[in-house]
PDB file of N, CA and C in Angstrom:
ATOM      1  N   UNK A   1      57.469 -65.247  42.410  1.00  0.00           N
ATOM      2  CA  UNK A   1      58.696 -65.118  41.847  1.00  0.00           C
ATOM      3  C   UNK A   1      59.322 -63.875  42.856  1.00  0.00           C
ATOM      4  N   UNK A   2      60.752 -63.956  42.858  1.00  0.00           N
ATOM      5  CA  UNK A   2      61.309 -63.060  43.776  1.00  0.00           C
ATOM      6  C   UNK A   2      61.273 -61.644  43.130  1.00  0.00           C
ATOM      7  N   UNK A   3      61.183 -60.772  43.753  1.00  0.00           N
ATOM      8  CA  UNK A   3      61.236 -59.239  43.402  1.00  0.00           C
ATOM      9  C   UNK A   3      60.108 -58.754  42.491  1.00  0.00           C
ATOM     10  N   UNK A   4      59.063 -59.675  42.522  1.00  0.00           N
ATOM     11  CA  UNK A   4      57.967 -59.406  41.560  1.00  0.00           C
ATOM     12  C   UNK A   4      58.256 -59.531  40.118  1.00  0.00           C
ATOM     13  N   UNK A   5      59.049 -60.320  39.706  1.00  0.00           N
ATOM     14  CA  UNK A   5      59.507 -60.456  38.265  1.00  0.00           C
ATOM     15  C   UNK A   5      58.657 -61.600  37.675  1.00  0.00           C
ATOM     16  N   UNK A   6      58.223 -61.381  36.615  1.00  0.00           N
ATOM     17  CA  UNK A   6      57.428 -62.489  35.720  1.00  0.00           C
ATOM     18  C   UNK A   6      58.423 -63.390  35.049  1.00  0.00           C
ATOM     19  N   UNK A   7      58.044 -64.178  34.255  1.00  0.00           N
ATOM     20  CA  UNK A   7      58.902 -65.139  33.501  1.00  0.00           C
ATOM     21  C   UNK A   7      59.512 -64.531  32.452  1.00  0.00           C
ATOM     22  N   UNK A   8      58.851 -63.416  31.928  1.00  0.00           N
ATOM     23  CA  UNK A   8      59.518 -62.615  30.765  1.00  0.00           C
ATOM     24  C   UNK A   8      60.602 -61.958  31.155  1.00  0.00           C
ATOM     25  N   UNK A   9      60.659 -61.377  32.316  1.00  0.00           N
ATOM     26  CA  UNK A   9      61.916 -60.477  32.913  1.00  0.00           C
ATOM     27  C   UNK A   9      63.019 -61.500  33.097  1.00  0.00           C
ATOM     28  N   UNK A  10      62.556 -62.678  33.713  1.00  0.00           N
ATOM     29  CA  UNK A  10      63.742 -63.626  33.880  1.00  0.00           C
ATOM     30  C   UNK A  10      64.262 -64.207  32.778  1.00  0.00           C
ATOM     31  N   UNK A  11      63.578 -64.286  31.586  1.00  0.00           N
ATOM     32  CA  UNK A  11      64.318 -64.839  30.336  1.00  0.00           C
ATOM     33  C   UNK A  11      65.144 -63.919  29.762  1.00  0.00           C
ATOM     34  N   UNK A  12      64.665 -62.620  29.941  1.00  0.00           N
ATOM     35  CA  UNK A  12      65.590 -61.466  29.251  1.00  0.00           C
ATOM     36  C   UNK A  12      67.004 -61.411  30.224  1.00  0.00           C
ATOM     37  N   UNK A  13      66.902 -61.424  31.415  1.00  0.00           N
ATOM     38  CA  UNK A  13      68.041 -61.491  32.319  1.00  0.00           C
ATOM     39  C   UNK A  13      68.998 -62.692  31.953  1.00  0.00           C
ATOM     40  N   UNK A  14      68.287 -63.874  31.862  1.00  0.00           N
ATOM     41  CA  UNK A  14      69.075 -64.999  31.398  1.00  0.00           C
ATOM     42  C   UNK A  14      69.689 -64.968  30.213  1.00  0.00           C
ATOM     43  N   UNK A  15      69.042 -64.293  29.153  1.00  0.00           N
ATOM     44  CA  UNK A  15      69.593 -64.030  27.857  1.00  0.00           C
ATOM     45  C   UNK A  15      70.907 -63.117  27.824  1.00  0.00           C
ATOM     46  N   UNK A  16      70.668 -62.163  28.690  1.00  0.00           N
ATOM     47  CA  UNK A  16      71.858 -61.014  28.880  1.00  0.00           C
ATOM     48  C   UNK A  16      73.077 -61.655  29.687  1.00  0.00           C
ATOM     49  N   UNK A  17      72.773 -62.566  30.597  1.00  0.00           N
ATOM     50  CA  UNK A  17      73.874 -63.174  31.150  1.00  0.00           C
ATOM     51  C   UNK A  17      74.658 -64.047  30.106  1.00  0.00           C
ATOM     52  N   UNK A  18      73.780 -64.950  29.450  1.00  0.00           N
ATOM     53  CA  UNK A  18      74.413 -65.666  28.166  1.00  0.00           C
ATOM     54  C   UNK A  18      75.198 -64.780  27.332  1.00  0.00           C
ATOM     55  N   UNK A  19      74.781 -63.677  26.890  1.00  0.00           N
ATOM     56  CA  UNK A  19      75.574 -62.919  25.882  1.00  0.00           C
ATOM     57  C   UNK A  19      76.751 -62.289  26.487  1.00  0.00           C
ATOM     58  N   UNK A  20      76.648 -61.991  27.980  1.00  0.00           N
ATOM     59  CA  UNK A  20      77.828 -61.274  28.494  1.00  0.00           C
ATOM     60  C   UNK A  20      78.899 -62.362  28.678  1.00  0.00           C
ATOM     61  N   UNK A  21      78.503 -63.508  29.067  1.00  0.00           N
ATOM     62  CA  UNK A  21      79.596 -64.302  29.763  1.00  0.00           C
ATOM     63  C   UNK A  21      79.804 -65.567  28.732  1.00  0.00           C
ATOM     64  N   UNK A  22      78.949 -65.772  27.863  1.00  0.00           N
ATOM     65  CA  UNK A  22      78.936 -67.056  26.975  1.00  0.00           C
ATOM     66  C   UNK A  22      78.533 -68.229  27.395  1.00  0.00           C
ATOM     67  N   UNK A  23      77.934 -69.065  26.547  1.00  0.00           N
ATOM     68  CA  UNK A  23      77.366 -70.335  27.068  1.00  0.00           C
ATOM     69  C   UNK A  23      78.418 -71.304  27.692  1.00  0.00           C
ATOM     70  N   UNK A  24      79.556 -71.171  27.237  1.00  0.00           N
ATOM     71  CA  UNK A  24      80.725 -72.120  27.628  1.00  0.00           C
ATOM     72  C   UNK A  24      81.097 -71.815  29.152  1.00  0.00           C
ATOM     73  N   UNK A  25      81.053 -70.642  29.497  1.00  0.00           N
ATOM     74  CA  UNK A  25      81.431 -70.341  30.876  1.00  0.00           C
ATOM     75  C   UNK A  25      80.292 -70.102  31.865  1.00  0.00           C
ATOM     76  N   UNK A  26      79.185 -70.337  31.430  1.00  0.00           N
ATOM     77  CA  UNK A  26      78.072 -70.284  32.263  1.00  0.00           C
ATOM     78  C   UNK A  26      77.809 -71.353  33.391  1.00  0.00           C
ATOM     79  N   UNK A  27      78.211 -72.504  33.119  1.00  0.00           N
ATOM     80  CA  UNK A  27      78.350 -73.590  34.177  1.00  0.00           C
ATOM     81  C   UNK A  27      79.324 -73.250  35.093  1.00  0.00           C
ATOM     82  N   UNK A  28      80.385 -72.751  34.809  1.00  0.00           N
ATOM     83  CA  UNK A  28      81.532 -72.464  35.518  1.00  0.00           C
ATOM     84  C   UNK A  28      81.115 -71.404  36.574  1.00  0.00           C
ATOM     85  N   UNK A  29      80.443 -70.229  35.949  1.00  0.00           N
ATOM     86  CA  UNK A  29      80.016 -69.064  37.085  1.00  0.00           C
ATOM     87  C   UNK A  29      78.911 -69.624  37.866  1.00  0.00           C
ATOM     88  N   UNK A  30      78.151 -70.606  37.490  1.00  0.00           N
ATOM     89  CA  UNK A  30      77.095 -70.945  38.360  1.00  0.00           C
ATOM     90  C   UNK A  30      77.652 -71.975  39.463  1.00  0.00           C
ATOM     91  N   UNK A  31      78.693 -72.632  39.166  1.00  0.00           N
ATOM     92  CA  UNK A  31      79.330 -73.478  40.084  1.00  0.00           C
ATOM     93  C   UNK A  31      79.980 -72.725  41.223  1.00  0.00           C
ATOM     94  N   UNK A  32      80.783 -71.455  40.673  1.00  0.00           N
ATOM     95  CA  UNK A  32      81.460 -70.681  41.602  1.00  0.00           C
ATOM     96  C   UNK A  32      80.436 -69.840  42.441  1.00  0.00           C
ATOM     97  N   UNK A  33      79.405 -69.591  41.884  1.00  0.00           N
ATOM     98  CA  UNK A  33      78.371 -68.700  42.696  1.00  0.00           C
ATOM     99  C   UNK A  33      77.658 -69.606  43.868  1.00  0.00           C
ATOM    100  N   UNK A  34      77.378 -70.878  43.472  1.00  0.00           N
ATOM    101  CA  UNK A  34      76.928 -71.837  44.423  1.00  0.00           C
ATOM    102  C   UNK A  34      77.857 -72.076  45.629  1.00  0.00           C
ATOM    103  N   UNK A  35      79.189 -72.277  45.238  1.00  0.00           N
ATOM    104  CA  UNK A  35      80.261 -72.341  46.259  1.00  0.00           C
ATOM    105  C   UNK A  35      80.320 -71.098  47.236  1.00  0.00           C
ATOM    106  N   UNK A  36      80.406 -69.853  46.427  1.00  0.00           N
ATOM    107  CA  UNK A  36      80.253 -68.689  47.326  1.00  0.00           C
ATOM    108  C   UNK A  36      79.039 -68.416  48.248  1.00  0.00           C
ATOM    109  N   UNK A  37      78.074 -68.871  47.776  1.00  0.00           N
ATOM    110  CA  UNK A  37      76.971 -68.875  48.744  1.00  0.00           C
ATOM    111  C   UNK A  37      76.870 -69.950  49.765  1.00  0.00           C
ATOM    112  N   UNK A  38      77.479 -71.034  49.431  1.00  0.00           N
ATOM    113  CA  UNK A  38      77.573 -71.991  50.423  1.00  0.00           C
ATOM    114  C   UNK A  38      78.638 -71.667  51.486  1.00  0.00           C
ATOM    115  N   UNK A  39      79.782 -71.013  51.139  1.00  0.00           N
ATOM    116  CA  UNK A  39      80.784 -70.407  51.935  1.00  0.00           C
ATOM    117  C   UNK A  39      80.166 -69.340  53.038  1.00  0.00           C
ATOM    118  N   UNK A  40      79.313 -68.630  52.218  1.00  0.00           N
ATOM    119  CA  UNK A  40      78.698 -67.458  52.938  1.00  0.00           C
ATOM    120  C   UNK A  40      77.796 -67.919  54.071  1.00  0.00           C
ATOM    121  N   UNK A  41      77.012 -68.902  53.776  1.00  0.00           N
ATOM    122  CA  UNK A  41      76.022 -69.609  54.716  1.00  0.00           C
ATOM    123  C   UNK A  41      76.944 -70.201  55.958  1.00  0.00           C
ATOM    124  N   UNK A  42      77.821 -71.056  55.493  1.00  0.00           N
ATOM    125  CA  UNK A  42      78.591 -71.619  56.582  1.00  0.00           C
ATOM    126  C   UNK A  42      79.209 -70.627  57.503  1.00  0.00           C
ATOM    127  N   UNK A  43      79.893 -69.411  57.018  1.00  0.00           N
ATOM    128  CA  UNK A  43      80.351 -68.299  57.868  1.00  0.00           C
ATOM    129  C   UNK A  43      79.208 -67.556  58.605  1.00  0.00           C
ATOM    130  N   UNK A  44      78.212 -67.420  58.174  1.00  0.00           N
ATOM    131  CA  UNK A  44      77.277 -66.734  59.002  1.00  0.00           C
ATOM    132  C   UNK A  44      76.545 -67.930  60.121  1.00  0.00           C
ATOM    133  N   UNK A  45      76.452 -69.068  59.683  1.00  0.00           N
ATOM    134  CA  UNK A  45      76.097 -69.945  60.735  1.00  0.00           C
ATOM    135  C   UNK A  45      77.316 -70.234  61.929  1.00  0.00           C
ATOM    136  N   UNK A  46      78.457 -70.063  61.501  1.00  0.00           N
ATOM    137  CA  UNK A  46      79.586 -70.011  62.459  1.00  0.00           C
ATOM    138  C   UNK A  46      79.390 -68.817  63.264  1.00  0.00           C
ATOM    139  N   UNK A  47      79.216 -67.720  62.833  1.00  0.00           N
ATOM    140  CA  UNK A  47      79.080 -66.440  63.692  1.00  0.00           C
ATOM    141  C   UNK A  47      77.819 -66.549  64.495  1.00  0.00           C
ATOM    142  N   UNK A  48      76.791 -67.056  64.126  1.00  0.00           N
ATOM    143  CA  UNK A  48      75.637 -67.148  64.744  1.00  0.00           C
ATOM    144  C   UNK A  48      75.722 -68.179  66.004  1.00  0.00           C
ATOM    145  N   UNK A  49      76.500 -69.346  65.615  1.00  0.00           N
ATOM    146  CA  UNK A  49      76.622 -70.356  66.750  1.00  0.00           C
ATOM    147  C   UNK A  49      77.618 -69.629  67.741  1.00  0.00           C
ATOM    148  N   UNK A  50      78.521 -68.882  67.381  1.00  0.00           N
ATOM    149  CA  UNK A  50      79.410 -68.200  68.511  1.00  0.00           C
ATOM    150  C   UNK A  50      78.716 -67.129  69.094  1.00  0.00           C
ATOM    151  N   UNK A  51      77.816 -66.472  68.527  1.00  0.00           N
ATOM    152  CA  UNK A  51      77.033 -65.443  69.358  1.00  0.00           C
ATOM    153  C   UNK A  51      76.047 -66.178  70.293  1.00  0.00           C
ATOM    154  N   UNK A  52      75.405 -67.339  70.001  1.00  0.00           N
ATOM    155  CA  UNK A  52      74.566 -68.015  70.764  1.00  0.00           C
ATOM    156  C   UNK A  52      75.359 -68.693  72.016  1.00  0.00           C
ATOM    157  N   UNK A  53      76.592 -69.039  71.844  1.00  0.00           N
ATOM    158  CA  UNK A  53      77.379 -69.827  72.812  1.00  0.00           C
ATOM    159  C   UNK A  53      77.793 -68.636  73.740  1.00  0.00           C
ATOM    160  N   UNK A  54      78.057 -67.409  73.200  1.00  0.00           N
ATOM    161  CA  UNK A  54      78.390 -66.206  74.290  1.00  0.00           C
ATOM    162  C   UNK A  54      77.143 -65.890  75.203  1.00  0.00           C
ATOM    163  N   UNK A  55      76.109 -66.107  74.736  1.00  0.00           N
ATOM    164  CA  UNK A  55      74.691 -65.773  75.415  1.00  0.00           C
ATOM    165  C   UNK A  55      74.662 -66.933  76.627  1.00  0.00           C
ATOM    166  N   UNK A  56      75.047 -68.124  76.469  1.00  0.00           N
ATOM    167  CA  UNK A  56      74.901 -69.060  77.414  1.00  0.00           C
ATOM    168  C   UNK A  56      75.987 -68.823  78.665  1.00  0.00           C
ATOM    169  N   UNK A  57      75.567 -68.851  79.754  1.00  0.00           N
ATOM    170  CA  UNK A  57      76.404 -68.575  80.869  1.00  0.00           C
ATOM    171  C   UNK A  57      76.626 -70.023  81.447  1.00  0.00           C
ATOM    172  N   UNK A  58      77.947 -70.385  81.392  1.00  0.00           N
ATOM    173  CA  UNK A  58      78.390 -71.795  81.856  1.00  0.00           C
ATOM    174  C   UNK A  58      78.548 -71.577  83.482  1.00  0.00           C
ATOM    175  N   UNK A  59      78.532 -70.584  84.099  1.00  0.00           N
ATOM    176  CA  UNK A  59      78.698 -70.473  85.612  1.00  0.00           C
ATOM    177  C   UNK A  59      77.464 -70.877  86.067  1.00  0.00           C
ATOM    178  N   UNK A  60      77.461 -71.778  87.193  1.00  0.00           N
ATOM    179  CA  UNK A  60      76.261 -72.095  87.989  1.00  0.00           C
ATOM    180  C   UNK A  60      75.715 -70.729  88.640  1.00  0.00           C
ATOM    181  N   UNK A  61      74.259 -70.768  88.635  1.00  0.00           N
ATOM    182  CA  UNK A  61      73.705 -69.589  89.100  1.00  0.00           C
ATOM    183  C   UNK A  61      73.714 -69.714  90.755  1.00  0.00           C
ATOM    184  N   UNK A  62      73.927 -68.632  91.216  1.00  0.00           N
ATOM    185  CA  UNK A  62      73.938 -68.514  92.835  1.00  0.00           C
ATOM    186  C   UNK A  62      72.710 -67.896  93.221  1.00  0.00           C
ATOM    187  N   UNK A  63      72.072 -68.516  94.130  1.00  0.00           N
ATOM    188  CA  UNK A  63      70.882 -68.001  94.497  1.00  0.00           C
ATOM    189  C   UNK A  63      71.072 -66.930  95.779  1.00  0.00           C
ATOM    190  N   UNK A  64      70.494 -65.926  95.671  1.00  0.00           N
ATOM    191  CA  UNK A  64      70.811 -64.903  96.648  1.00  0.00           C
ATOM    192  C   UNK A  64      70.484 -65.414  98.263  1.00  0.00           C
ATOM    193  N   UNK A  65      71.098 -64.947  99.173  1.00  0.00           N
ATOM    194  CA  UNK A  65      71.115 -65.469 100.378  1.00  0.00           C
ATOM    195  C   UNK A  65      69.724 -64.946 100.923  1.00  0.00           C
ATOM    196  N   UNK A  66      68.981 -65.757 101.638  1.00  0.00           N
ATOM    197  CA  UNK A  66      67.725 -65.456 102.273  1.00  0.00           C
ATOM    198  C   UNK A  66      67.648 -64.055 102.941  1.00  0.00           C
ATOM    199  N   UNK A  67      66.663 -63.340 102.860  1.00  0.00           N
ATOM    200  CA  UNK A  67      66.743 -61.943 103.495  1.00  0.00           C
ATOM    201  C   UNK A  67      66.763 -62.201 104.989  1.00  0.00           C
ATOM    202  N   UNK A  68      67.582 -61.445 105.656  1.00  0.00           N
ATOM    203  CA  UNK A  68      67.713 -61.593 107.054  1.00  0.00           C
ATOM    204  C   UNK A  68      66.485 -60.894 107.773  1.00  0.00           C
ATOM    205  N   UNK A  69      66.063 -61.465 108.908  1.00  0.00           N
ATOM    206  CA  UNK A  69      64.966 -60.754 109.483  1.00  0.00           C
ATOM    207  C   UNK A  69      65.523 -59.637 110.275  1.00  0.00           C
ATOM    208  N   UNK A  70      65.047 -58.391 109.922  1.00  0.00           N
ATOM    209  CA  UNK A  70      65.635 -57.105 110.535  1.00  0.00           C
ATOM    210  C   UNK A  70      64.816 -56.961 111.941  1.00  0.00           C
ATOM    211  N   UNK A  71      65.580 -56.378 112.747  1.00  0.00           N
ATOM    212  CA  UNK A  71      64.632 -55.946 114.109  1.00  0.00           C
ATOM    213  C   UNK A  71      64.011 -54.914 113.901  1.00  0.00           C
ATOM    214  N   UNK A  72      62.702 -54.745 114.315  1.00  0.00           N
ATOM    215  CA  UNK A  72      61.888 -53.538 114.293  1.00  0.00           C
ATOM    216  C   UNK A  72      62.676 -52.479 114.770  1.00  0.00           C
ATOM    217  N   UNK A  73      62.603 -51.321 114.163  1.00  0.00           N
ATOM    218  CA  UNK A  73      63.207 -50.201 114.563  1.00  0.00           C
ATOM    219  C   UNK A  73      62.205 -49.257 115.232  1.00  0.00           C
ATOM    220  N   UNK A  74      62.609 -48.762 116.452  1.00  0.00           N
ATOM    221  CA  UNK A  74      61.695 -47.858 117.365  1.00  0.00           C
ATOM    222  C   UNK A  74      61.984 -46.298 116.887  1.00  0.00           C
ATOM    223  N   UNK A  75      61.212 -45.787 116.025  1.00  0.00           N
ATOM    224  CA  UNK A  75      61.259 -44.656 115.526  1.00  0.00           C
ATOM    225  C   UNK A  75      60.878 -43.470 116.570  1.00  0.00           C
ATOM    226  N   UNK A  76      60.012 -43.771 117.611  1.00  0.00           N
ATOM    227  CA  UNK A  76      59.608 -43.021 118.653  1.00  0.00           C
ATOM    228  C   UNK A  76      60.678 -42.647 119.497  1.00  0.00           C
ATOM    229  N   UNK A  77      61.577 -43.600 119.963  1.00  0.00           N
ATOM    230  CA  UNK A  77      62.784 -43.241 120.812  1.00  0.00           C
ATOM    231  C   UNK A  77      63.593 -42.457 120.256  1.00  0.00           C
ATOM    232  N   UNK A  78      64.067 -42.495 118.905  1.00  0.00           N
ATOM    233  CA  UNK A  78      64.715 -41.628 118.135  1.00  0.00           C
ATOM    234  C   UNK A  78      64.275 -40.266 118.006  1.00  0.00           C
ATOM    235  N   UNK A  79      63.086 -40.168 117.827  1.00  0.00           N
ATOM    236  CA  UNK A  79      62.524 -38.743 117.811  1.00  0.00           C
ATOM    237  C   UNK A  79      62.503 -38.079 119.206  1.00  0.00           C
ATOM    238  N   UNK A  80      62.348 -38.907 120.191  1.00  0.00           N
ATOM    239  CA  UNK A  80      62.351 -38.341 121.596  1.00  0.00           C
ATOM    240  C   UNK A  80      63.878 -37.945 121.865  1.00  0.00           C
ATOM    241  N   UNK A  81      64.891 -38.663 121.435  1.00  0.00           N
ATOM    242  CA  UNK A  81      66.308 -38.436 121.644  1.00  0.00           C
ATOM    243  C   UNK A  81      66.604 -37.183 120.998  1.00  0.00           C
ATOM    244  N   UNK A  82      66.186 -36.768 119.752  1.00  0.00           N
ATOM    245  CA  UNK A  82      66.514 -35.791 119.016  1.00  0.00           C
ATOM    246  C   UNK A  82      65.854 -34.377 119.559  1.00  0.00           C
ATOM    247  N   UNK A  83      64.913 -34.535 120.346  1.00  0.00           N
ATOM    248  CA  UNK A  83      64.105 -33.314 120.865  1.00  0.00           C
ATOM    249  C   UNK A  83      64.831 -32.733 121.942  1.00  0.00           C
TER     250      UNK A  83
END
């Protein structure tokens, strides 16, 4: 059971709801609650879909150019020039 509630607690809550809203209005409340939950799920799914689409990059990936072969540097000649 949700929230660690037993059958007795759920019956008490149901009776309180019936007393507060009346038996005639209870189906109407349940219907509007169901619609609200459905709209909320639809809205959150839409936001999730938009977020997922934003993460997808439509641009083709460019591979980096291959590294150029660099010429070996002669450090000894530079040291001799600085002396």
